[in-house]
C-alpha atoms as a PDB file:
ATOM      1  CA  MET A   1       0.000   0.000   0.000  1.00  0.00           C
ATOM      2  CA  SER A   2       1.310   3.443  -0.930  1.00  0.00           C
ATOM      3  CA  TYR A   3       1.143   6.232   1.639  1.00  0.00           C
ATOM      4  CA  LEU A   4       1.027  10.005   1.402  1.00  0.00           C
ATOM      5  CA  GLU A   5       3.219  12.048   3.691  1.00  0.00           C
ATOM      6  CA  LEU A   6       1.835  15.522   4.429  1.00  0.00           C
ATOM      7  CA  LEU A   7       4.147  18.071   6.035  1.00  0.00           C
ATOM      8  CA  PHE A   8       2.222  20.682   8.036  1.00  0.00           C
ATOM      9  CA  VAL A   9       3.962  23.957   8.953  1.00  0.00           C
ATOM     10  CA  GLN A  10       2.148  26.122  11.486  1.00  0.00           C
ATOM     11  CA  THR A  11       1.986  29.775  10.422  1.00  0.00           C
ATOM     12  CA  LYS A  12      -0.459  31.138  13.019  1.00  0.00           C
ATOM     13  CA  GLY A  13      -1.670  30.297  16.513  1.00  0.00           C
ATOM     14  CA  ASP A  14      -0.460  28.584  19.671  1.00  0.00           C
ATOM     15  CA  ARG A  15       1.516  25.369  19.406  1.00  0.00           C
ATOM     16  CA  PHE A  16      -1.190  23.240  21.037  1.00  0.00           C
ATOM     17  CA  TYR A  17      -3.262  23.610  17.866  1.00  0.00           C
ATOM     18  CA  CYS A  18      -0.883  21.069  16.323  1.00  0.00           C
ATOM     19  CA  ASP A  19      -2.281  18.506  18.762  1.00  0.00           C
ATOM     20  CA  ILE A  20      -5.834  19.535  17.986  1.00  0.00           C
ATOM     21  CA  LEU A  21      -5.237  19.289  14.236  1.00  0.00           C
ATOM     22  CA  MET A  22      -3.617  15.870  14.622  1.00  0.00           C
ATOM     23  CA  SER A  23      -6.702  14.722  16.509  1.00  0.00           C
ATOM     24  CA  GLU A  24      -8.934  15.996  13.712  1.00  0.00           C
ATOM     25  CA  LEU A  25      -6.758  14.352  11.041  1.00  0.00           C
ATOM     26  CA  ALA A  26      -6.986  11.022  12.849  1.00  0.00           C
ATOM     27  CA  GLU A  27     -10.740  11.212  12.281  1.00  0.00           C
ATOM     28  CA  LEU A  28     -10.040  11.643   8.549  1.00  0.00           C
ATOM     29  CA  GLY A  29      -7.971   8.465   8.305  1.00  0.00           C
ATOM     30  CA  PHE A  30      -4.440   9.698   9.057  1.00  0.00           C
ATOM     31  CA  ASP A  31      -2.847   6.991  11.145  1.00  0.00           C
ATOM     32  CA  THR A  32       0.705   8.103  11.985  1.00  0.00           C
ATOM     33  CA  PHE A  33       2.165  11.435  13.097  1.00  0.00           C
ATOM     34  CA  GLU A  34       5.675  12.758  13.621  1.00  0.00           C
ATOM     35  CA  GLU A  35       6.393  16.120  15.258  1.00  0.00           C
ATOM     36  CA  THR A  36       8.788  18.601  13.639  1.00  0.00           C
ATOM     37  CA  GLU A  37      10.214  21.925  14.799  1.00  0.00           C
ATOM     38  CA  GLU A  38       7.649  23.906  12.814  1.00  0.00           C
ATOM     39  CA  GLY A  39       4.668  21.563  12.910  1.00  0.00           C
ATOM     40  CA  PHE A  40       4.326  17.870  12.150  1.00  0.00           C
ATOM     41  CA  LYS A  41       4.181  15.164   9.485  1.00  0.00           C
ATOM     42  CA  ALA A  42       1.023  13.111   8.967  1.00  0.00           C
ATOM     43  CA  PHE A  43       0.697   9.856   7.034  1.00  0.00           C
ATOM     44  CA  ILE A  44      -2.348   8.355   5.348  1.00  0.00           C
ATOM     45  CA  PRO A  45      -2.960   5.528   2.866  1.00  0.00           C
ATOM     46  CA  LYS A  46      -3.114   7.130  -0.561  1.00  0.00           C
ATOM     47  CA  ASN A  47      -6.417   5.512  -1.455  1.00  0.00           C
ATOM     48  CA  THR A  48      -8.199   7.000   1.583  1.00  0.00           C
ATOM     49  CA  PHE A  49      -6.958  10.595   1.291  1.00  0.00           C
ATOM     50  CA  ASN A  50      -9.657  13.200   0.638  1.00  0.00           C
ATOM     51  CA  GLN A  51      -8.234  16.667   0.032  1.00  0.00           C
ATOM     52  CA  GLN A  52     -11.614  18.368   0.210  1.00  0.00           C
ATOM     53  CA  LEU A  53     -12.193  17.020   3.737  1.00  0.00           C
ATOM     54  CA  LEU A  54      -8.730  18.220   4.728  1.00  0.00           C
ATOM     55  CA  GLU A  55      -9.397  21.721   3.397  1.00  0.00           C
ATOM     56  CA  THR A  56     -12.717  21.811   5.244  1.00  0.00           C
ATOM     57  CA  CYS A  57     -10.965  20.819   8.461  1.00  0.00           C
ATOM     58  CA  LEU A  58      -8.322  23.537   8.082  1.00  0.00           C
ATOM     59  CA  ALA A  59     -10.944  26.152   7.228  1.00  0.00           C
ATOM     60  CA  ALA A  60     -12.903  25.334  10.391  1.00  0.00           C
ATOM     61  CA  MET A  61      -9.822  26.188  12.492  1.00  0.00           C
ATOM     62  CA  ALA A  62      -8.826  29.286  10.513  1.00  0.00           C
ATOM     63  CA  ASP A  63      -9.946  31.823  13.144  1.00  0.00           C
ATOM     64  CA  ASP A  64      -7.505  30.410  15.694  1.00  0.00           C
ATOM     65  CA  CYS A  65      -4.617  28.958  13.691  1.00  0.00           C
ATOM     66  CA  ALA A  66      -3.248  28.366  10.211  1.00  0.00           C
ATOM     67  CA  PHE A  67      -1.130  25.679   8.586  1.00  0.00           C
ATOM     68  CA  ALA A  68       0.615  25.434   5.248  1.00  0.00           C
ATOM     69  CA  TYR A  69       1.138  21.919   3.954  1.00  0.00           C
ATOM     70  CA  SER A  70       2.842  19.978   1.210  1.00  0.00           C
ATOM     71  CA  GLN A  71       2.523  16.323   0.277  1.00  0.00           C
ATOM     72  CA  GLN A  72       4.538  13.554  -1.286  1.00  0.00           C
ATOM     73  CA  GLU A  73       3.886   9.932  -2.064  1.00  0.00           C
ATOM     74  CA  ILE A  74       5.840   7.257  -0.211  1.00  0.00           C
ATOM     75  CA  ALA A  75       6.331   3.888  -1.849  1.00  0.00           C
ATOM     76  CA  GLN A  76       5.096   0.736  -0.186  1.00  0.00           C
ATOM     77  CA  GLN A  77       7.342  -0.411   2.654  1.00  0.00           C
ATOM     78  CA  ASN A  78       7.342  -2.396   5.859  1.00  0.00           C
ATOM     79  CA  TRP A  79       5.877   0.164   8.258  1.00  0.00           C
ATOM     80  CA  ASN A  80       6.461  -2.033  11.310  1.00  0.00           C
ATOM     81  CA  SER A  81      10.176  -2.145  10.463  1.00  0.00           C
ATOM     82  CA  VAL A  82      10.248   1.631  10.029  1.00  0.00           C
ATOM     83  CA  TRP A  83       8.509   2.116  13.381  1.00  0.00           C
ATOM     84  CA  GLU A  84      10.826  -0.321  15.174  1.00  0.00           C
ATOM     85  CA  SER A  85      13.917   1.394  13.776  1.00  0.00           C
ATOM     86  CA  ASN A  86      12.727   4.733  15.229  1.00  0.00           C
ATOM     87  CA  PHE A  87      11.703   3.479  18.675  1.00  0.00           C
ATOM     88  CA  GLU A  88      14.523   3.649  21.222  1.00  0.00           C
ATOM     89  CA  PRO A  89      14.259   2.532  24.859  1.00  0.00           C
ATOM     90  CA  LEU A  90      13.786   5.370  27.334  1.00  0.00           C
ATOM     91  CA  THR A  91      15.077   5.893  30.870  1.00  0.00           C
ATOM     92  CA  ILE A  92      13.391   8.354  33.245  1.00  0.00           C
ATOM     93  CA  ALA A  93      15.076   9.501  36.465  1.00  0.00           C
ATOM     94  CA  ASP A  94      17.095   6.276  36.594  1.00  0.00           C
ATOM     95  CA  GLN A  95      13.967   4.543  37.884  1.00  0.00           C
ATOM     96  CA  ILE A  96      11.746   3.877  34.870  1.00  0.00           C
ATOM     97  CA  TYR A  97      12.811   1.902  31.814  1.00  0.00           C
ATOM     98  CA  VAL A  98      10.376   2.065  28.886  1.00  0.00           C
ATOM     99  CA  ARG A  99      10.935  -0.394  26.064  1.00  0.00           C
ATOM    100  CA  ALA A 100       9.122  -2.207  23.289  1.00  0.00           C
ATOM    101  CA  THR A 101       8.691  -5.968  23.053  1.00  0.00           C
ATOM    102  CA  PHE A 102      11.654  -6.257  20.674  1.00  0.00           C
ATOM    103  CA  HIS A 103      14.096  -4.630  23.158  1.00  0.00           C
ATOM    104  CA  GLN A 104      16.048  -6.522  25.795  1.00  0.00           C
ATOM    105  CA  PRO A 105      14.578  -6.291  29.321  1.00  0.00           C
ATOM    106  CA  LYS A 106      16.400  -4.520  32.147  1.00  0.00           C
ATOM    107  CA  PRO A 107      14.980  -5.960  35.380  1.00  0.00           C
ATOM    108  CA  ASP A 108      17.365  -3.896  37.529  1.00  0.00           C
ATOM    109  CA  PHE A 109      15.124  -0.841  37.096  1.00  0.00           C
ATOM    110  CA  PRO A 110      12.443  -0.383  39.787  1.00  0.00           C
ATOM    111  CA  TYR A 111       9.827   0.084  37.065  1.00  0.00           C
ATOM    112  CA  GLU A 112      10.109  -1.519  33.643  1.00  0.00           C
ATOM    113  CA  ILE A 113       7.267  -0.748  31.247  1.00  0.00           C
ATOM    114  CA  VAL A 114       6.725  -2.513  27.925  1.00  0.00           C
ATOM    115  CA  ILE A 115       4.901  -0.372  25.363  1.00  0.00           C
ATOM    116  CA  ASP A 116       3.905  -1.214  21.806  1.00  0.00           C
ATOM    117  CA  PRO A 117       2.353   2.132  20.827  1.00  0.00           C
ATOM    118  CA  LYS A 118       1.580   1.414  17.157  1.00  0.00           C
ATOM    119  CA  MET A 119      -0.801   4.261  16.289  1.00  0.00           C
ATOM    120  CA  ALA A 120      -1.418   5.456  19.855  1.00  0.00           C
ATOM    121  CA  PHE A 121       0.227   8.387  21.635  1.00  0.00           C
ATOM    122  CA  GLY A 122       2.346   7.860  24.713  1.00  0.00           C
ATOM    123  CA  THR A 123       5.695   6.079  24.595  1.00  0.00           C
ATOM    124  CA  GLY A 124       7.226   8.383  27.187  1.00  0.00           C
ATOM    125  CA  HIS A 125       9.424  10.055  24.590  1.00  0.00           C
ATOM    126  CA  HIS A 126       7.268  13.169  24.331  1.00  0.00           C
ATOM    127  CA  GLN A 127       8.140  15.819  26.911  1.00  0.00           C
ATOM    128  CA  THR A 128       4.618  15.879  28.362  1.00  0.00           C
ATOM    129  CA  THR A 129       4.581  12.148  29.103  1.00  0.00           C
ATOM    130  CA  ALA A 130       8.095  12.198  30.530  1.00  0.00           C
ATOM    131  CA  LEU A 131       7.225  15.158  32.778  1.00  0.00           C
ATOM    132  CA  MET A 132       4.169  13.374  34.115  1.00  0.00           C
ATOM    133  CA  MET A 133       6.151  10.232  34.863  1.00  0.00           C
ATOM    134  CA  GLU A 134       8.838  12.222  36.666  1.00  0.00           C
ATOM    135  CA  MET A 135       6.230  13.865  38.897  1.00  0.00           C
ATOM    136  CA  MET A 136       4.441  10.565  39.498  1.00  0.00           C
ATOM    137  CA  LEU A 137       7.660   9.090  40.884  1.00  0.00           C
ATOM    138  CA  GLU A 138       7.333  11.516  43.810  1.00  0.00           C
ATOM    139  CA  GLU A 139       3.731  10.524  44.569  1.00  0.00           C
ATOM    140  CA  ASP A 140       2.487   7.694  46.813  1.00  0.00           C
ATOM    141  CA  PHE A 141       0.239   5.444  44.719  1.00  0.00           C
ATOM    142  CA  GLU A 142       0.074   2.570  47.217  1.00  0.00           C
ATOM    143  CA  GLY A 143      -3.545   1.411  47.516  1.00  0.00           C
ATOM    144  CA  LYS A 144      -4.848   4.429  45.580  1.00  0.00           C
ATOM    145  CA  ILE A 145      -7.752   4.716  43.133  1.00  0.00           C
ATOM    146  CA  VAL A 146      -6.531   6.476  39.971  1.00  0.00           C
ATOM    147  CA  LEU A 147      -8.066   8.031  36.860  1.00  0.00           C
ATOM    148  CA  ASP A 148      -5.927   8.403  33.701  1.00  0.00           C
ATOM    149  CA  MET A 149      -7.570  10.756  31.192  1.00  0.00           C
ATOM    150  CA  GLY A 150      -6.323  10.818  27.606  1.00  0.00           C
ATOM    151  CA  CYS A 151      -4.498   7.594  28.391  1.00  0.00           C
ATOM    152  CA  GLY A 152      -3.050   6.969  24.887  1.00  0.00           C
ATOM    153  CA  THR A 153      -1.052   3.758  25.235  1.00  0.00           C
ATOM    154  CA  GLY A 154      -1.984   3.440  28.897  1.00  0.00           C
ATOM    155  CA  ILE A 155       1.580   4.154  30.002  1.00  0.00           C
ATOM    156  CA  LEU A 156       0.678   6.390  32.971  1.00  0.00           C
ATOM    157  CA  ALA A 157      -1.955   3.984  34.255  1.00  0.00           C
ATOM    158  CA  ILE A 158       0.539   1.117  33.909  1.00  0.00           C
ATOM    159  CA  LEU A 159       3.147   3.060  35.904  1.00  0.00           C
ATOM    160  CA  ALA A 160       0.559   3.886  38.572  1.00  0.00           C
ATOM    161  CA  GLU A 161      -0.340   0.214  38.990  1.00  0.00           C
ATOM    162  CA  LYS A 162       3.324  -0.764  39.174  1.00  0.00           C
ATOM    163  CA  MET A 163       3.683   1.871  41.912  1.00  0.00           C
ATOM    164  CA  GLY A 164       0.911   0.265  43.955  1.00  0.00           C
ATOM    165  CA  ALA A 165      -2.435   1.655  42.743  1.00  0.00           C
ATOM    166  CA  THR A 166      -5.177  -0.933  43.221  1.00  0.00           C
ATOM    167  CA  LYS A 167      -7.939   0.395  40.946  1.00  0.00           C
ATOM    168  CA  LEU A 168      -7.442   2.403  37.766  1.00  0.00           C
ATOM    169  CA  ASP A 169      -9.719   3.761  35.046  1.00  0.00           C
ATOM    170  CA  ALA A 170      -7.909   4.662  31.812  1.00  0.00           C
ATOM    171  CA  ILE A 171      -9.982   6.709  29.347  1.00  0.00           C
ATOM    172  CA  ASP A 172      -9.385   7.874  25.785  1.00  0.00           C
ATOM    173  CA  TYR A 173     -11.822   8.950  23.075  1.00  0.00           C
ATOM    174  CA  ASP A 174      -9.774   7.205  20.352  1.00  0.00           C
ATOM    175  CA  PRO A 175     -10.681   3.513  19.801  1.00  0.00           C
ATOM    176  CA  LEU A 176      -7.058   2.849  18.775  1.00  0.00           C
ATOM    177  CA  CYS A 177      -5.864   4.144  22.155  1.00  0.00           C
ATOM    178  CA  TYR A 178      -8.492   2.055  23.933  1.00  0.00           C
ATOM    179  CA  GLU A 179      -7.244  -1.084  22.171  1.00  0.00           C
ATOM    180  CA  SER A 180      -3.622  -0.094  22.783  1.00  0.00           C
ATOM    181  CA  THR A 181      -4.268   0.341  26.507  1.00  0.00           C
ATOM    182  CA  LEU A 182      -5.820  -3.118  26.701  1.00  0.00           C
ATOM    183  CA  GLU A 183      -2.866  -4.676  24.859  1.00  0.00           C
ATOM    184  CA  ASN A 184      -0.202  -2.854  26.857  1.00  0.00           C
ATOM    185  CA  SER A 185      -1.923  -3.616  30.172  1.00  0.00           C
ATOM    186  CA  THR A 186      -1.700  -7.301  29.280  1.00  0.00           C
ATOM    187  CA  LEU A 187       1.936  -6.973  28.179  1.00  0.00           C
ATOM    188  CA  ASN A 188       2.792  -5.538  31.588  1.00  0.00           C
ATOM    189  CA  GLY A 189       0.804  -8.049  33.608  1.00  0.00           C
ATOM    190  CA  CYS A 190      -1.589  -5.388  34.899  1.00  0.00           C
ATOM    191  CA  SER A 191      -4.824  -6.609  36.464  1.00  0.00           C
ATOM    192  CA  CYS A 192      -6.278  -3.426  37.984  1.00  0.00           C
ATOM    193  CA  ILE A 193      -6.734  -1.255  34.870  1.00  0.00           C
ATOM    194  CA  GLN A 194     -10.180  -0.766  33.343  1.00  0.00           C
ATOM    195  CA  ALA A 195      -9.945   0.815  29.871  1.00  0.00           C
ATOM    196  CA  LEU A 196     -12.886   2.934  28.690  1.00  0.00           C
ATOM    197  CA  CYS A 197     -13.479   4.556  25.296  1.00  0.00           C
ATOM    198  CA  GLY A 198     -14.952   8.049  25.428  1.00  0.00           C
ATOM    199  CA  SER A 199     -14.414  11.406  27.100  1.00  0.00           C
ATOM    200  CA  LYS A 200     -15.514  12.982  30.375  1.00  0.00           C
ATOM    201  CA  GLU A 201     -19.010  11.546  29.949  1.00  0.00           C
ATOM    202  CA  VAL A 202     -17.728   8.001  30.585  1.00  0.00           C
ATOM    203  CA  ILE A 203     -15.888   8.850  33.819  1.00  0.00           C
ATOM    204  CA  PRO A 204     -17.462   6.559  36.433  1.00  0.00           C
ATOM    205  CA  ASN A 205     -19.443   8.113  39.282  1.00  0.00           C
ATOM    206  CA  GLN A 206     -16.965   7.383  42.053  1.00  0.00           C
ATOM    207  CA  VAL A 207     -14.162   9.213  43.836  1.00  0.00           C
ATOM    208  CA  TYR A 208     -10.487   9.077  42.903  1.00  0.00           C
ATOM    209  CA  ASP A 209      -7.420   9.683  45.030  1.00  0.00           C
ATOM    210  CA  ILE A 210      -5.288  10.758  42.060  1.00  0.00           C
ATOM    211  CA  ILE A 211      -6.099  11.953  38.545  1.00  0.00           C
ATOM    212  CA  VAL A 212      -3.528  12.228  35.749  1.00  0.00           C
ATOM    213  CA  ALA A 213      -4.539  13.964  32.528  1.00  0.00           C
ATOM    214  CA  ASN A 214      -2.133  14.496  29.627  1.00  0.00           C
ATOM    215  CA  ILE A 215      -4.254  16.028  26.856  1.00  0.00           C
ATOM    216  CA  ASN A 216      -4.235  19.692  25.732  1.00  0.00           C
ATOM    217  CA  ARG A 217      -5.246  23.018  27.239  1.00  0.00           C
ATOM    218  CA  ASN A 218      -8.694  23.348  25.682  1.00  0.00           C
ATOM    219  CA  ILE A 219      -9.808  19.833  26.558  1.00  0.00           C
ATOM    220  CA  LEU A 220      -8.402  20.173  30.077  1.00  0.00           C
ATOM    221  CA  LEU A 221     -10.350  23.413  30.556  1.00  0.00           C
ATOM    222  CA  ASP A 222     -13.503  21.667  29.388  1.00  0.00           C
ATOM    223  CA  GLN A 223     -13.010  18.692  31.697  1.00  0.00           C
ATOM    224  CA  LEU A 224     -11.676  20.324  34.885  1.00  0.00           C
ATOM    225  CA  ASP A 225     -15.119  20.606  36.436  1.00  0.00           C
ATOM    226  CA  ARG A 226     -15.640  16.863  36.074  1.00  0.00           C
ATOM    227  CA  TYR A 227     -12.202  16.161  37.553  1.00  0.00           C
ATOM    228  CA  SER A 228     -13.118  18.269  40.580  1.00  0.00           C
ATOM    229  CA  ASP A 229     -16.420  16.400  40.944  1.00  0.00           C
ATOM    230  CA  VAL A 230     -14.783  12.982  41.208  1.00  0.00           C
ATOM    231  CA  LEU A 231     -11.534  13.879  43.018  1.00  0.00           C
ATOM    232  CA  ILE A 232     -11.534  13.179  46.744  1.00  0.00           C
ATOM    233  CA  GLN A 233     -10.882  16.063  49.138  1.00  0.00           C
ATOM    234  CA  GLY A 234      -7.115  16.277  49.461  1.00  0.00           C
ATOM    235  CA  GLY A 235      -6.731  14.320  46.219  1.00  0.00           C
ATOM    236  CA  LYS A 236      -3.971  15.084  43.714  1.00  0.00           C
ATOM    237  CA  LEU A 237      -4.447  16.224  40.119  1.00  0.00           C
ATOM    238  CA  TYR A 238      -1.590  16.119  37.600  1.00  0.00           C
ATOM    239  CA  LEU A 239      -2.047  17.921  34.276  1.00  0.00           C
ATOM    240  CA  SER A 240       0.126  18.129  31.160  1.00  0.00           C
ATOM    241  CA  GLY A 241      -0.142  18.623  27.417  1.00  0.00           C
ATOM    242  CA  PHE A 242       0.140  22.416  27.401  1.00  0.00           C
ATOM    243  CA  TYR A 243       2.673  25.258  27.375  1.00  0.00           C
ATOM    244  CA  GLU A 244       3.919  27.333  30.288  1.00  0.00           C
ATOM    245  CA  HIS A 245       2.853  30.605  28.624  1.00  0.00           C
ATOM    246  CA  PRO A 246       0.015  31.440  28.447  1.00  0.00           C
ATOM    247  CA  ASP A 247      -1.634  28.083  29.183  1.00  0.00           C
ATOM    248  CA  LEU A 248      -0.543  27.520  32.776  1.00  0.00           C
ATOM    249  CA  GLU A 249      -2.069  30.727  34.156  1.00  0.00           C
ATOM    250  CA  ILE A 250      -5.317  30.067  32.309  1.00  0.00           C
ATOM    251  CA  LEU A 251      -5.520  26.562  33.777  1.00  0.00           C
ATOM    252  CA  LYS A 252      -4.580  27.766  37.274  1.00  0.00           C
ATOM    253  CA  GLU A 253      -7.376  30.342  37.216  1.00  0.00           C
ATOM    254  CA  LYS A 254     -10.004  27.806  36.125  1.00  0.00           C
ATOM    255  CA  ALA A 255      -8.718  25.222  38.594  1.00  0.00           C
ATOM    256  CA  ALA A 256      -8.856  27.688  41.505  1.00  0.00           C
ATOM    257  CA  SER A 257     -12.549  28.316  40.798  1.00  0.00           C
ATOM    258  CA  LEU A 258     -13.075  24.582  41.330  1.00  0.00           C
ATOM    259  CA  VAL A 259     -11.060  24.461  44.594  1.00  0.00           C
ATOM    260  CA  LEU A 260      -8.177  22.776  42.781  1.00  0.00           C
ATOM    261  CA  ILE A 261      -5.191  24.554  44.282  1.00  0.00           C
ATOM    262  CA  TYR A 262      -1.970  24.884  42.312  1.00  0.00           C
ATOM    263  CA  GLN A 263       1.119  23.345  43.953  1.00  0.00           C
ATOM    264  CA  GLU A 264       3.971  23.274  41.439  1.00  0.00           C
ATOM    265  CA  HIS A 265       4.902  22.837  37.806  1.00  0.00           C
ATOM    266  CA  ARG A 266       7.825  21.701  35.681  1.00  0.00           C
ATOM    267  CA  VAL A 267       8.869  22.618  32.165  1.00  0.00           C
ATOM    268  CA  ASN A 268      10.655  20.766  29.379  1.00  0.00           C
ATOM    269  CA  LYS A 269      11.135  22.645  26.085  1.00  0.00           C
ATOM    270  CA  ASP A 270       8.141  24.883  26.886  1.00  0.00           C
ATOM    271  CA  TRP A 271       5.886  21.871  27.531  1.00  0.00           C
ATOM    272  CA  THR A 272       4.556  21.928  31.083  1.00  0.00           C
ATOM    273  CA  ALA A 273       3.196  19.577  33.747  1.00  0.00           C
ATOM    274  CA  ALA A 274       1.484  20.894  36.887  1.00  0.00           C
ATOM    275  CA  LYS A 275       0.246  19.508  40.189  1.00  0.00           C
ATOM    276  CA  PHE A 276      -2.942  20.586  41.984  1.00  0.00           C
ATOM    277  CA  ILE A 277      -4.623  19.513  45.249  1.00  0.00           C
ATOM    278  CA  LYS A 278      -8.355  19.605  45.897  1.00  0.00           C
ATOM    279  CA  LYS A 279      -9.082  21.615  49.038  1.00  0.00           C
END
């Protein structure tokens, strides 16, 4: 099967619109994405590409952002081999070792996580995921009930279970992420993770000790009220998927209105992760 590679260069708007556009393109049949300094690359089977739908998608976002794009055809190749050649094991804080099934295990690490991401987001290589994992290492998950929103591959939920969480709900709107979370939970021998496909409407009516949400600013703003509803008093909320400026202040203001009190944040190449406590 021949693929098209589309190179998108952002010419207007905040960087997080790249994530939003990638989400929209996934709905149009694009199945692989690669970030670049100025935007991202998106790949789609040639026989499923519809330029009119793409133009309609870009036009709908034109008030907030703009992208220029070019395309080229890529000859048929072994995409699994290409993916494997680009996936390197990852070490975080000398405590977490993230690898794929085709890498050698390293049992000396306190937490070894096996991830086969395929089309789903969340190998730990992106700054937002790595930031969240670093902050999670400082949290006590023993016996906790945890919600992972925008779970992607399920990597944060898997880490939380390995750190002692006893009940976890991992939610993503993308069916590919839902399937990936199920597969990766099995790969890691997890037995406490319930994967759900949907958005804030499928969050169970129960209370959580800890919520982790690695999505983007606009979706986080939309869902913060629901997080506050289900987070126990004194519970911890970890957010990522946004930039330090101006996103953090916007999120802090909305969170404060929901008695979610800002504690700290960390930054990696402008990407930010922040911790809140429900008072």
